[in-house]
Protein backbone atom coordinates (compact mmCIF):
# COMPACT_ATOMS: atom_id res chain seq x y z
CA UNK A 1 8.66 51.17 13.51
CA UNK A 2 12.29 52.21 13.83
CA UNK A 3 12.75 55.86 12.83
CA UNK A 4 9.49 55.69 10.93
CA UNK A 5 10.87 53.09 8.48
CA UNK A 6 8.38 51.31 6.23
CA UNK A 7 8.75 48.08 4.28
CA UNK A 8 9.23 48.49 0.56
CA UNK A 9 8.01 45.93 -1.96
CA UNK A 10 10.68 43.33 -2.61
CA UNK A 11 12.81 44.52 0.34
CA UNK A 12 15.06 41.98 2.07
CA UNK A 13 13.60 40.88 5.38
CA UNK A 14 14.94 42.35 8.61
CA UNK A 15 14.06 42.79 12.27
CA UNK A 16 14.26 46.41 13.46
CA UNK A 17 13.86 47.64 17.06
CA UNK A 18 11.51 50.57 17.75
CA UNK A 19 12.58 53.73 19.57
CA UNK A 20 12.13 52.21 23.05
CA UNK A 21 13.57 48.86 21.92
CA UNK A 22 10.75 46.78 23.42
CA UNK A 23 9.06 46.12 20.08
CA UNK A 24 10.93 44.45 17.21
CA UNK A 25 9.33 45.20 13.86
CA UNK A 26 9.67 42.47 11.19
CA UNK A 27 9.90 43.99 7.72
CA UNK A 28 10.24 42.86 4.10
CA UNK A 29 10.48 39.37 2.64
CA UNK A 30 11.38 36.50 5.00
CA UNK A 31 12.05 33.89 2.34
CA UNK A 32 14.77 31.44 1.38
CA UNK A 33 15.88 33.74 -1.45
CA UNK A 34 16.70 36.43 1.11
CA UNK A 35 18.00 34.03 3.76
CA UNK A 36 21.69 34.99 3.55
CA UNK A 37 21.07 38.72 4.00
CA UNK A 38 18.38 38.02 6.59
CA UNK A 39 20.74 35.88 8.66
CA UNK A 40 23.45 38.57 8.54
CA UNK A 41 20.93 41.16 9.71
CA UNK A 42 19.76 38.98 12.60
CA UNK A 43 23.38 38.39 13.64
CA UNK A 44 23.94 42.17 13.82
CA UNK A 45 20.86 42.72 15.96
CA UNK A 46 21.98 44.43 19.15
CA UNK A 47 20.93 43.35 22.65
CA UNK A 48 17.46 44.72 23.48
CA UNK A 49 16.66 46.18 26.91
CA UNK A 50 15.79 43.79 29.71
CA UNK A 51 12.21 42.67 30.12
CA UNK A 52 9.47 41.35 27.85
CA UNK A 53 9.68 41.94 24.11
CA UNK A 54 7.10 42.03 21.34
CA UNK A 55 7.75 41.01 17.73
CA UNK A 56 5.38 42.65 15.28
CA UNK A 57 4.82 40.68 12.04
CA UNK A 58 2.19 42.96 10.50
CA UNK A 59 4.64 44.42 7.92
CA UNK A 60 6.03 41.10 6.65
CA UNK A 61 5.53 40.96 2.88
CA UNK A 62 6.28 37.26 2.32
CA UNK A 63 7.11 34.32 4.58
CA UNK A 64 8.19 30.78 3.76
CA UNK A 65 9.51 27.89 5.82
CA UNK A 66 13.10 29.16 5.83
CA UNK A 67 11.99 32.58 7.06
CA UNK A 68 9.78 31.05 9.75
CA UNK A 69 12.71 28.95 11.00
CA UNK A 70 14.93 32.04 11.18
CA UNK A 71 12.26 33.91 13.11
CA UNK A 72 11.94 31.12 15.65
CA UNK A 73 15.72 30.83 15.95
CA UNK A 74 15.89 34.54 16.74
CA UNK A 75 13.11 34.11 19.31
CA UNK A 76 14.95 31.17 20.88
CA UNK A 77 18.11 33.29 21.17
CA UNK A 78 16.21 36.09 22.85
CA UNK A 79 14.53 33.70 25.26
CA UNK A 80 17.93 32.27 26.14
CA UNK A 81 18.97 35.83 27.07
CA UNK A 82 16.08 36.02 29.54
CA UNK A 83 13.40 37.80 27.50
CA UNK A 84 9.74 36.86 27.31
CA UNK A 85 8.57 36.99 23.67
CA UNK A 86 5.11 37.86 22.43
CA UNK A 87 4.09 37.73 18.76
CA UNK A 88 1.56 40.19 17.39
CA UNK A 89 0.28 41.27 14.00
CA UNK A 90 0.43 37.74 12.56
CA UNK A 91 -1.24 37.81 9.17
CA UNK A 92 -3.87 35.18 8.41
CA UNK A 93 -1.93 33.87 5.41
CA UNK A 94 1.19 33.30 7.55
CA UNK A 95 -0.48 31.79 10.61
CA UNK A 96 -0.72 28.12 9.42
CA UNK A 97 2.99 28.00 8.58
CA UNK A 98 3.97 29.62 11.89
CA UNK A 99 1.74 27.16 13.77
CA UNK A 100 3.44 24.18 12.09
CA UNK A 101 6.95 25.48 12.86
CA UNK A 102 5.93 26.32 16.45
CA UNK A 103 4.59 22.80 16.95
CA UNK A 104 7.78 21.21 15.62
CA UNK A 105 9.87 23.50 17.82
CA UNK A 106 7.78 22.53 20.85
CA UNK A 107 8.33 18.83 20.18
CA UNK A 108 12.09 19.36 20.42
CA UNK A 109 14.78 17.31 18.69
CA UNK A 110 13.94 13.71 17.98
CA UNK A 111 15.96 10.89 19.40
CA UNK A 112 18.64 9.65 17.06
CA UNK A 113 19.51 5.99 17.15
CA UNK A 114 22.88 5.42 15.50
CA UNK A 115 23.23 2.35 13.33
CA UNK A 116 24.60 -0.59 15.26
CA UNK A 117 26.07 -3.84 14.13
CA UNK A 118 26.73 -7.20 15.64
CA UNK A 119 24.60 -9.96 17.20
CA UNK A 120 22.65 -7.61 19.48
CA UNK A 121 21.74 -5.33 16.58
CA UNK A 122 20.55 -8.34 14.56
CA UNK A 123 18.51 -9.54 17.53
CA UNK A 124 17.02 -6.06 17.93
CA UNK A 125 16.03 -5.93 14.26
CA UNK A 126 14.49 -9.37 14.56
CA UNK A 127 12.48 -8.30 17.59
CA UNK A 128 11.29 -5.10 15.94
CA UNK A 129 10.32 -7.03 12.84
CA UNK A 130 8.36 -9.55 14.92
CA UNK A 131 6.44 -6.84 16.77
CA UNK A 132 5.76 -4.95 13.53
CA UNK A 133 4.49 -8.13 11.88
CA UNK A 134 2.25 -8.88 14.88
CA UNK A 135 0.82 -5.36 14.84
CA UNK A 136 0.30 -5.53 11.09
CA UNK A 137 -1.43 -8.89 11.43
CA UNK A 138 -3.74 -7.49 14.12
CA UNK A 139 -4.69 -4.56 11.89
CA UNK A 140 -5.34 -6.93 8.98
CA UNK A 141 -7.63 -9.07 11.16
CA UNK A 142 -9.47 -5.91 12.25
CA UNK A 143 -9.93 -4.97 8.60
CA UNK A 144 -11.18 -8.50 7.87
CA UNK A 145 -13.82 -8.05 10.58
CA UNK A 146 -14.83 -4.64 9.23
CA UNK A 147 -15.26 -5.99 5.69
CA UNK A 148 -17.27 -8.93 7.05
CA UNK A 149 -19.61 -6.59 8.92
CA UNK A 150 -20.15 -4.48 5.78
CA UNK A 151 -20.74 -7.66 3.74
CA UNK A 152 -23.49 -8.93 6.04
CA UNK A 153 -25.02 -5.48 6.22
CA UNK A 154 -25.21 -5.52 2.42
CA UNK A 155 -26.73 -9.01 2.46
CA UNK A 156 -29.47 -7.77 4.80
CA UNK A 157 -29.93 -4.59 2.73
CA UNK A 158 -29.27 -5.58 -0.92
CA UNK A 159 -30.05 -2.07 -2.17
CA UNK A 160 -26.69 -0.98 -0.72
CA UNK A 161 -24.86 -3.13 -3.28
CA UNK A 162 -23.54 -1.24 -6.31
CA UNK A 163 -24.19 -3.47 -9.36
CA UNK A 164 -22.35 -1.23 -11.84
CA UNK A 165 -19.18 -1.22 -9.74
CA UNK A 166 -19.46 -4.99 -9.25
CA UNK A 167 -19.86 -5.69 -12.98
CA UNK A 168 -16.99 -3.35 -13.83
CA UNK A 169 -14.71 -5.15 -11.37
CA UNK A 170 -15.80 -8.56 -12.68
CA UNK A 171 -14.79 -7.46 -16.17
CA UNK A 172 -11.45 -6.03 -14.99
CA UNK A 173 -10.46 -8.96 -12.77
CA UNK A 174 -12.01 -11.80 -14.77
CA UNK A 175 -12.65 -11.23 -18.45
CA UNK A 176 -9.54 -9.13 -19.02
CA UNK A 177 -7.38 -11.70 -17.20
CA UNK A 178 -8.39 -14.71 -19.33
CA UNK A 179 -5.64 -14.37 -21.98
CA UNK A 180 -2.68 -14.10 -19.60
CA UNK A 181 -3.97 -16.81 -17.24
CA UNK A 182 -4.67 -19.18 -20.14
CA UNK A 183 -1.29 -18.60 -21.79
CA UNK A 184 0.79 -19.05 -18.63
CA UNK A 185 -1.20 -22.10 -17.53
CA UNK A 186 -0.75 -23.69 -20.96
CA UNK A 187 3.03 -23.13 -20.78
CA UNK A 188 3.19 -24.49 -17.23
CA UNK A 189 1.40 -27.62 -18.45
CA UNK A 190 3.97 -27.99 -21.22
CA UNK A 191 6.86 -27.63 -18.74
CA UNK A 192 5.36 -30.12 -16.29
CA UNK A 193 4.74 -32.68 -19.00
CA UNK A 194 8.28 -32.34 -20.31
CA UNK A 195 9.90 -32.66 -16.88
CA UNK A 196 7.73 -35.56 -15.71
CA UNK A 197 8.03 -37.56 -18.92
CA UNK A 198 11.79 -37.06 -18.95
CA UNK A 199 12.02 -38.73 -15.53
CA UNK A 200 9.35 -41.44 -15.90
CA UNK A 201 10.54 -42.62 -19.30
CA UNK A 202 13.59 -44.15 -17.61
CA UNK A 203 11.29 -46.54 -15.74
CA UNK A 204 8.97 -47.24 -18.65
CA UNK A 205 6.15 -45.45 -16.82
CA UNK A 206 5.86 -42.45 -19.11
CA UNK A 207 2.12 -42.99 -19.49
CA UNK A 208 1.69 -41.93 -15.85
CA UNK A 209 2.82 -38.45 -16.88
CA UNK A 210 -0.83 -37.89 -17.72
CA UNK A 211 -1.87 -38.83 -14.16
CA UNK A 212 0.66 -36.48 -12.59
CA UNK A 213 -0.30 -33.59 -14.86
CA UNK A 214 -4.02 -34.05 -14.28
CA UNK A 215 -3.85 -34.41 -10.49
CA UNK A 216 -1.25 -31.73 -9.85
CA UNK A 217 -2.95 -29.12 -11.99
CA UNK A 218 -6.52 -29.71 -10.84
CA UNK A 219 -5.75 -30.07 -7.12
CA UNK A 220 -2.89 -27.62 -6.51
CA UNK A 221 -1.04 -25.96 -9.36
CA UNK A 222 -4.02 -24.55 -11.27
CA UNK A 223 -5.56 -22.66 -8.35
CA UNK A 224 -2.22 -21.63 -6.83
CA UNK A 225 -0.79 -20.38 -10.11
CA UNK A 226 -3.98 -18.46 -10.88
CA UNK A 227 -4.04 -16.89 -7.40
CA UNK A 228 -0.42 -15.76 -7.72
CA UNK A 229 -1.06 -14.23 -11.14
CA UNK A 230 -4.18 -12.45 -9.90
CA UNK A 231 -2.33 -11.20 -6.81
CA UNK A 232 0.25 -9.61 -9.07
CA UNK A 233 -2.31 -8.31 -11.53
CA UNK A 234 -5.53 -7.43 -9.70
CA UNK A 235 -4.31 -7.22 -6.10
CA UNK A 236 -1.69 -4.66 -7.03
CA UNK A 237 -4.25 -2.78 -9.13
CA UNK A 238 -6.59 -2.56 -6.12
CA UNK A 239 -3.82 -1.07 -3.99
CA UNK A 240 -2.72 1.39 -6.66
CA UNK A 241 -6.27 2.53 -7.45
CA UNK A 242 -7.35 3.05 -3.85
CA UNK A 243 -3.95 4.47 -2.91
CA UNK A 244 -4.16 7.06 -5.70
CA UNK A 245 -7.62 8.01 -4.49
CA UNK A 246 -6.13 8.44 -1.01
CA UNK A 247 -3.40 10.72 -2.39
CA UNK A 248 -5.91 12.85 -4.32
CA UNK A 249 -8.18 12.99 -1.22
CA UNK A 250 -11.11 11.36 -3.04
CA UNK A 251 -11.62 9.00 -0.09
CA UNK A 252 -11.81 11.98 2.28
CA UNK A 253 -14.41 13.49 -0.04
CA UNK A 254 -16.44 10.28 0.19
CA UNK A 255 -16.48 10.58 3.97
CA UNK A 256 -17.61 14.20 3.67
CA UNK A 257 -20.49 13.07 1.45
CA UNK A 258 -21.47 10.38 3.96
CA UNK A 259 -20.31 7.44 1.82
CA UNK A 260 -18.59 4.43 3.36
CA UNK A 261 -15.29 3.70 1.50
CA UNK A 262 -15.51 0.03 2.53
CA UNK A 263 -18.94 -0.27 0.94
CA UNK A 264 -18.11 1.79 -2.14
CA UNK A 265 -14.55 0.65 -2.91
CA UNK A 266 -13.71 -2.55 -1.04
CA UNK A 267 -16.86 -4.68 -1.15
CA UNK A 268 -17.35 -4.62 -4.98
CA UNK A 269 -13.70 -5.66 -5.45
CA UNK A 270 -13.92 -8.48 -2.90
CA UNK A 271 -17.16 -9.87 -4.31
CA UNK A 272 -15.96 -9.54 -7.91
CA UNK A 273 -12.75 -11.44 -7.24
CA UNK A 274 -14.60 -14.15 -5.31
CA UNK A 275 -16.79 -14.64 -8.39
CA UNK A 276 -14.05 -14.51 -11.03
CA UNK A 277 -11.21 -16.47 -9.40
CA UNK A 278 -13.06 -19.84 -9.40
CA UNK A 279 -13.87 -19.28 -13.08
CA UNK A 280 -10.27 -18.37 -13.83
CA UNK A 281 -9.13 -21.43 -11.89
CA UNK A 282 -11.31 -23.68 -14.04
CA UNK A 283 -9.95 -21.95 -17.15
CA UNK A 284 -6.40 -22.41 -15.85
CA UNK A 285 -7.00 -26.12 -15.23
CA UNK A 286 -8.26 -26.63 -18.77
CA UNK A 287 -5.39 -24.66 -20.32
CA UNK A 288 -2.77 -26.45 -18.18
CA UNK A 289 -4.11 -29.89 -19.02
CA UNK A 290 -4.29 -28.93 -22.68
CA UNK A 291 -0.65 -27.81 -22.60
CA UNK A 292 0.35 -31.05 -20.92
CA UNK A 293 -1.66 -33.01 -23.44
CA UNK A 294 0.02 -31.34 -26.40
CA UNK A 295 3.45 -32.06 -24.91
CA UNK A 296 2.73 -35.71 -24.11
CA UNK A 297 1.31 -36.31 -27.58
CA UNK A 298 4.38 -34.77 -29.20
CA UNK A 299 7.04 -36.15 -26.84
CA UNK A 300 5.66 -39.57 -25.88
CA UNK A 301 3.83 -40.51 -29.04
CA UNK A 302 0.47 -40.94 -27.27
CA UNK A 303 -2.63 -40.36 -29.34
CA UNK A 304 -5.15 -37.76 -28.14
CA UNK A 305 -7.61 -40.60 -27.48
CA UNK A 306 -5.08 -42.38 -25.23
CA UNK A 307 -4.37 -39.15 -23.36
CA UNK A 308 -8.07 -38.50 -22.72
CA UNK A 309 -8.68 -42.10 -21.62
CA UNK A 310 -5.73 -42.02 -19.19
CA UNK A 311 -6.82 -38.63 -17.86
CA UNK A 312 -10.39 -39.85 -17.23
CA UNK A 313 -9.07 -42.74 -15.19
CA UNK A 314 -6.76 -40.51 -13.10
CA UNK A 315 -8.81 -37.37 -12.48
CA UNK A 316 -12.31 -37.27 -11.11
CA UNK A 317 -14.82 -34.55 -10.31
CA UNK A 318 -13.69 -34.47 -6.69
CA UNK A 319 -10.18 -33.46 -7.80
CA UNK A 320 -11.59 -30.47 -9.67
CA UNK A 321 -13.71 -29.55 -6.65
CA UNK A 322 -10.72 -29.72 -4.29
CA UNK A 323 -9.02 -27.02 -6.34
CA UNK A 324 -12.14 -24.91 -6.84
CA UNK A 325 -12.94 -24.87 -3.10
CA UNK A 326 -9.70 -22.99 -2.45
CA UNK A 327 -10.36 -20.31 -5.07
CA UNK A 328 -12.89 -18.15 -3.13
CA UNK A 329 -10.64 -18.19 -0.05
CA UNK A 330 -7.65 -17.11 -2.09
CA UNK A 331 -9.77 -14.46 -3.79
CA UNK A 332 -10.89 -13.05 -0.45
CA UNK A 333 -7.30 -12.90 0.80
CA UNK A 334 -6.01 -11.16 -2.33
CA UNK A 335 -8.82 -8.60 -2.50
CA UNK A 336 -8.75 -7.87 1.22
CA UNK A 337 -4.98 -7.37 1.34
CA UNK A 338 -4.98 -5.26 -1.84
CA UNK A 339 -7.70 -2.93 -0.55
CA UNK A 340 -6.23 -2.78 2.96
CA UNK A 341 -2.79 -1.72 1.72
CA UNK A 342 -4.43 0.82 -0.58
CA UNK A 343 -6.21 2.43 2.38
CA UNK A 344 -2.89 2.57 4.27
CA UNK A 345 -1.23 4.69 1.59
CA UNK A 346 0.14 8.03 2.77
CA UNK A 347 -0.34 11.13 0.66
CA UNK A 348 2.82 10.62 -1.40
CA UNK A 349 3.54 8.89 -4.70
CA UNK A 350 6.34 6.93 -3.05
CA UNK A 351 3.88 5.45 -0.58
CA UNK A 352 1.66 4.19 -3.42
CA UNK A 353 4.57 2.20 -4.90
CA UNK A 354 5.69 0.88 -1.53
CA UNK A 355 2.23 -0.30 -0.47
CA UNK A 356 1.58 -1.83 -3.90
CA UNK A 357 4.75 -3.92 -3.63
CA UNK A 358 3.88 -4.88 -0.06
CA UNK A 359 0.37 -5.86 -1.16
CA UNK A 360 1.66 -8.34 -3.75
CA UNK A 361 4.18 -9.89 -1.35
CA UNK A 362 1.63 -10.22 1.46
CA UNK A 363 -1.03 -11.67 -0.82
CA UNK A 364 1.25 -14.33 -2.26
CA UNK A 365 2.58 -15.21 1.20
CA UNK A 366 -0.92 -15.59 2.68
CA UNK A 367 -2.16 -17.54 -0.35
CA UNK A 368 0.69 -20.04 0.05
CA UNK A 369 -0.02 -20.28 3.79
CA UNK A 370 -3.69 -20.94 3.03
CA UNK A 371 -2.70 -23.59 0.45
CA UNK A 372 -0.54 -25.32 3.07
CA UNK A 373 -3.44 -25.20 5.52
CA UNK A 374 -5.80 -26.74 2.96
CA UNK A 375 -3.27 -29.49 2.24
CA UNK A 376 -3.03 -30.41 5.93
CA UNK A 377 -6.82 -30.38 6.39
CA UNK A 378 -7.48 -32.43 3.24
CA UNK A 379 -4.81 -34.91 4.29
CA UNK A 380 -6.43 -35.35 7.72
CA UNK A 381 -9.86 -35.74 6.14
CA UNK A 382 -8.50 -38.16 3.54
CA UNK A 383 -9.70 -36.05 0.62
């Protein structure tokens, strides 16, 4: 140590040469609070003798990221002057931080792509978006396959199923959702009845409002509206719950304990939603038709008996089944996307919000795509 100097508690960090100048002794506190004085001291550091140098960190009292950066900047300056640098005396508590800064230094500066504008920039963004969407779709399909494998493994080994988790998810996604689904479906039925009757009354065909309400709700609107509400309610909850567990490292702890996160977290949610969404769809159909019935009775002067008779002639069991067949597919899409985005959460609160939003958007988009696919298939089959 230079002239027998020793570091005093709370002393500003510095880098002192020893008597022969080939060892540089780091002293004091290398922290952001001392950064101004530390930088002035490093700037005054005289040129060491030619040849290899050693920096001794054994007397460093405290080190943070700012201090580590200053140390590596000083080392880079010395290397540029032709010196080989060797670190010694690195304390165990400082080693992880120094390793991180050394790795970032080794990677070098990252490429910077300045913002561009114009047709080529728009085309570039479109291309990047297309490739990102394709990669995301591939990962989602892979996750679909993984969930399917775990599902069939559970079917072959029923003891792996977690009944308590399944019942809890059925309550959260089904029973607790009945009020909001029923209320919104009732109001949608009222709106449809009002709009349809307002148009058909001009042609004296207002009685066919009942037909339109019954067919549209049972075949399309009931299941689609329910799926969208559940995507916003339960799908987002799946992402937020699993994402928060990812942030708090609970999922890593499951892996340490030998538990499969797909089996413990994903499968109960998927099965629960596949059970509850058909029931919610049926509830939505009833509430929507009831809302339409109230509106037609009030606006058109039909009696409840006339409404029921017209509805029986327009809507059959097959119309209810057409809507209910879609519900498990929509449920699988919503649950799978919600859980997948939850598992993709990074360890930040911002990531939880971003993936939750993305989960809702993706679920609604895929549900509408599936609805369009069902419509084409049913049209071809004449259903």
